[in-house]
Amino acid sequence: MCHEMEQIYSEGMESGELKKAKETALSMAEEGMDVKKIARLVKVSEDDIQKWIDENMCVAK
């Protein structure tokens, strides 16, 4: 049971870290920062950054 709880906690932490990276990346993009630079700074792939930006644009419309 302890191992299962550790796994759930770990997955929650990863999810939270990814959510924060997405928020940060979108803020950087709104400031006009280049996708390549954002990806390098938040340590997420350029493809993921571009996907987040595209998703955010659809929601904003």
N, C-alpha and C. Protein backbone atom coordinates (compact mmCIF):
# COMPACT_ATOMS: atom_id res chain seq x y z
N MET A 1 0.82 -1.20 0.00
CA MET A 1 0.00 0.00 0.00
C MET A 1 0.86 1.25 0.00
N CYS A 2 1.95 1.24 0.74
CA CYS A 2 2.83 2.40 0.84
C CYS A 2 3.40 2.75 -0.53
N HIS A 3 3.80 1.73 -1.29
CA HIS A 3 4.36 1.96 -2.62
C HIS A 3 3.32 2.62 -3.54
N GLU A 4 2.07 2.17 -3.44
CA GLU A 4 1.00 2.75 -4.26
C GLU A 4 0.78 4.21 -3.92
N MET A 5 0.82 4.54 -2.64
CA MET A 5 0.63 5.94 -2.23
C MET A 5 1.79 6.81 -2.72
N GLU A 6 3.01 6.28 -2.67
CA GLU A 6 4.16 7.01 -3.17
C GLU A 6 4.03 7.27 -4.66
N GLN A 7 3.52 6.30 -5.39
CA GLN A 7 3.34 6.45 -6.84
C GLN A 7 2.29 7.51 -7.12
N ILE A 8 1.19 7.49 -6.41
CA ILE A 8 0.13 8.48 -6.59
C ILE A 8 0.66 9.88 -6.29
N TYR A 9 1.41 10.01 -5.21
CA TYR A 9 2.01 11.29 -4.83
C TYR A 9 2.96 11.77 -5.92
N SER A 10 3.79 10.86 -6.41
CA SER A 10 4.77 11.21 -7.44
C SER A 10 4.08 11.67 -8.72
N GLU A 11 3.02 10.97 -9.12
CA GLU A 11 2.27 11.36 -10.32
C GLU A 11 1.61 12.72 -10.13
N GLY A 12 1.13 12.99 -8.94
CA GLY A 12 0.53 14.29 -8.65
C GLY A 12 1.55 15.41 -8.72
N MET A 13 2.74 15.16 -8.22
CA MET A 13 3.80 16.15 -8.28
C MET A 13 4.19 16.44 -9.72
N GLU A 14 4.34 15.39 -10.53
CA GLU A 14 4.69 15.57 -11.94
C GLU A 14 3.61 16.37 -12.65
N SER A 15 2.37 16.07 -12.37
CA SER A 15 1.26 16.78 -12.99
C SER A 15 1.29 18.25 -12.59
N GLY A 16 1.55 18.54 -11.35
CA GLY A 16 1.63 19.92 -10.87
C GLY A 16 2.79 20.68 -11.49
N GLU A 17 3.93 20.00 -11.62
CA GLU A 17 5.10 20.63 -12.23
C GLU A 17 4.83 20.94 -13.70
N LEU A 18 4.17 20.03 -14.39
CA LEU A 18 3.85 20.26 -15.80
C LEU A 18 2.86 21.41 -15.95
N LYS A 19 1.88 21.48 -15.05
CA LYS A 19 0.91 22.56 -15.09
C LYS A 19 1.61 23.91 -14.90
N LYS A 20 2.55 23.97 -13.98
CA LYS A 20 3.29 25.21 -13.73
C LYS A 20 4.16 25.56 -14.94
N ALA A 21 4.79 24.57 -15.55
CA ALA A 21 5.60 24.80 -16.75
C ALA A 21 4.73 25.37 -17.87
N LYS A 22 3.51 24.84 -18.00
CA LYS A 22 2.60 25.32 -19.04
C LYS A 22 2.21 26.76 -18.79
N GLU A 23 1.87 27.09 -17.55
CA GLU A 23 1.51 28.47 -17.21
C GLU A 23 2.66 29.42 -17.49
N THR A 24 3.86 29.01 -17.11
CA THR A 24 5.04 29.84 -17.33
C THR A 24 5.29 30.02 -18.83
N ALA A 25 5.21 28.93 -19.58
CA ALA A 25 5.45 28.98 -21.02
C ALA A 25 4.44 29.90 -21.71
N LEU A 26 3.19 29.82 -21.32
CA LEU A 26 2.17 30.66 -21.94
C LEU A 26 2.39 32.14 -21.61
N SER A 27 2.84 32.41 -20.41
CA SER A 27 3.15 33.80 -20.03
C SER A 27 4.31 34.33 -20.86
N MET A 28 5.32 33.49 -21.05
CA MET A 28 6.47 33.89 -21.85
C MET A 28 6.05 34.15 -23.30
N ALA A 29 5.19 33.28 -23.82
CA ALA A 29 4.71 33.45 -25.20
C ALA A 29 3.92 34.74 -25.35
N GLU A 30 3.11 35.05 -24.35
CA GLU A 30 2.33 36.30 -24.40
C GLU A 30 3.24 37.53 -24.42
N GLU A 31 4.44 37.39 -23.85
CA GLU A 31 5.41 38.48 -23.84
C GLU A 31 6.23 38.52 -25.13
N GLY A 32 5.93 37.59 -26.05
CA GLY A 32 6.59 37.58 -27.35
C GLY A 32 7.87 36.77 -27.43
N MET A 33 8.12 35.94 -26.43
CA MET A 33 9.33 35.14 -26.42
C MET A 33 9.22 34.01 -27.45
N ASP A 34 10.33 33.67 -28.07
CA ASP A 34 10.43 32.63 -29.08
C ASP A 34 10.18 31.24 -28.48
N VAL A 35 9.47 30.39 -29.22
CA VAL A 35 9.13 29.04 -28.76
C VAL A 35 10.38 28.25 -28.40
N LYS A 36 11.42 28.37 -29.20
CA LYS A 36 12.66 27.62 -28.94
C LYS A 36 13.26 28.03 -27.60
N LYS A 37 13.26 29.31 -27.32
CA LYS A 37 13.82 29.81 -26.06
C LYS A 37 12.95 29.37 -24.88
N ILE A 38 11.63 29.45 -25.03
CA ILE A 38 10.71 29.02 -23.97
C ILE A 38 10.97 27.55 -23.65
N ALA A 39 11.06 26.72 -24.68
CA ALA A 39 11.27 25.28 -24.49
C ALA A 39 12.56 25.02 -23.71
N ARG A 40 13.59 25.74 -24.05
CA ARG A 40 14.87 25.56 -23.37
C ARG A 40 14.78 25.97 -21.90
N LEU A 41 14.09 27.07 -21.62
CA LEU A 41 14.02 27.58 -20.26
C LEU A 41 13.12 26.75 -19.34
N VAL A 42 12.00 26.27 -19.87
CA VAL A 42 11.09 25.49 -19.01
C VAL A 42 11.35 23.97 -19.12
N LYS A 43 12.31 23.61 -19.98
CA LYS A 43 12.72 22.21 -20.14
C LYS A 43 11.57 21.30 -20.60
N VAL A 44 10.89 21.78 -21.64
CA VAL A 44 9.80 21.03 -22.28
C VAL A 44 10.05 21.11 -23.77
N SER A 45 9.62 20.12 -24.53
CA SER A 45 9.89 20.09 -25.96
C SER A 45 9.21 21.26 -26.68
N GLU A 46 9.82 21.68 -27.78
CA GLU A 46 9.25 22.77 -28.59
C GLU A 46 7.86 22.39 -29.09
N ASP A 47 7.67 21.12 -29.43
CA ASP A 47 6.36 20.66 -29.92
C ASP A 47 5.28 20.85 -28.85
N ASP A 48 5.62 20.50 -27.60
CA ASP A 48 4.65 20.67 -26.52
C ASP A 48 4.34 22.15 -26.29
N ILE A 49 5.37 22.98 -26.33
CA ILE A 49 5.17 24.41 -26.14
C ILE A 49 4.23 24.95 -27.22
N GLN A 50 4.50 24.57 -28.47
CA GLN A 50 3.67 25.06 -29.57
C GLN A 50 2.24 24.56 -29.43
N LYS A 51 2.07 23.32 -28.99
CA LYS A 51 0.73 22.75 -28.78
C LYS A 51 -0.02 23.56 -27.73
N TRP A 52 0.67 23.88 -26.61
CA TRP A 52 0.04 24.67 -25.55
C TRP A 52 -0.37 26.04 -26.06
N ILE A 53 0.50 26.66 -26.84
CA ILE A 53 0.19 27.99 -27.39
C ILE A 53 -1.02 27.90 -28.31
N ASP A 54 -1.03 26.90 -29.18
CA ASP A 54 -2.15 26.73 -30.11
C ASP A 54 -3.46 26.47 -29.36
N GLU A 55 -3.40 25.64 -28.32
CA GLU A 55 -4.60 25.37 -27.51
C GLU A 55 -5.08 26.63 -26.83
N ASN A 56 -4.16 27.41 -26.33
CA ASN A 56 -4.50 28.65 -25.63
C ASN A 56 -5.12 29.66 -26.60
N MET A 57 -4.65 29.69 -27.83
CA MET A 57 -5.20 30.60 -28.84
C MET A 57 -6.65 30.23 -29.15
N CYS A 58 -6.94 28.93 -29.23
CA CYS A 58 -8.29 28.47 -29.51
C CYS A 58 -9.24 28.84 -28.39
N VAL A 59 -8.80 28.74 -27.17
CA VAL A 59 -9.62 29.06 -26.00
C VAL A 59 -9.87 30.57 -25.93
N ALA A 60 -8.86 31.35 -26.31
CA ALA A 60 -8.94 32.80 -26.22
C ALA A 60 -9.91 33.39 -27.25
N LYS A 61 -10.15 32.69 -28.35
CA LYS A 61 -11.01 33.22 -29.41
C LYS A 61 -12.46 33.22 -29.05
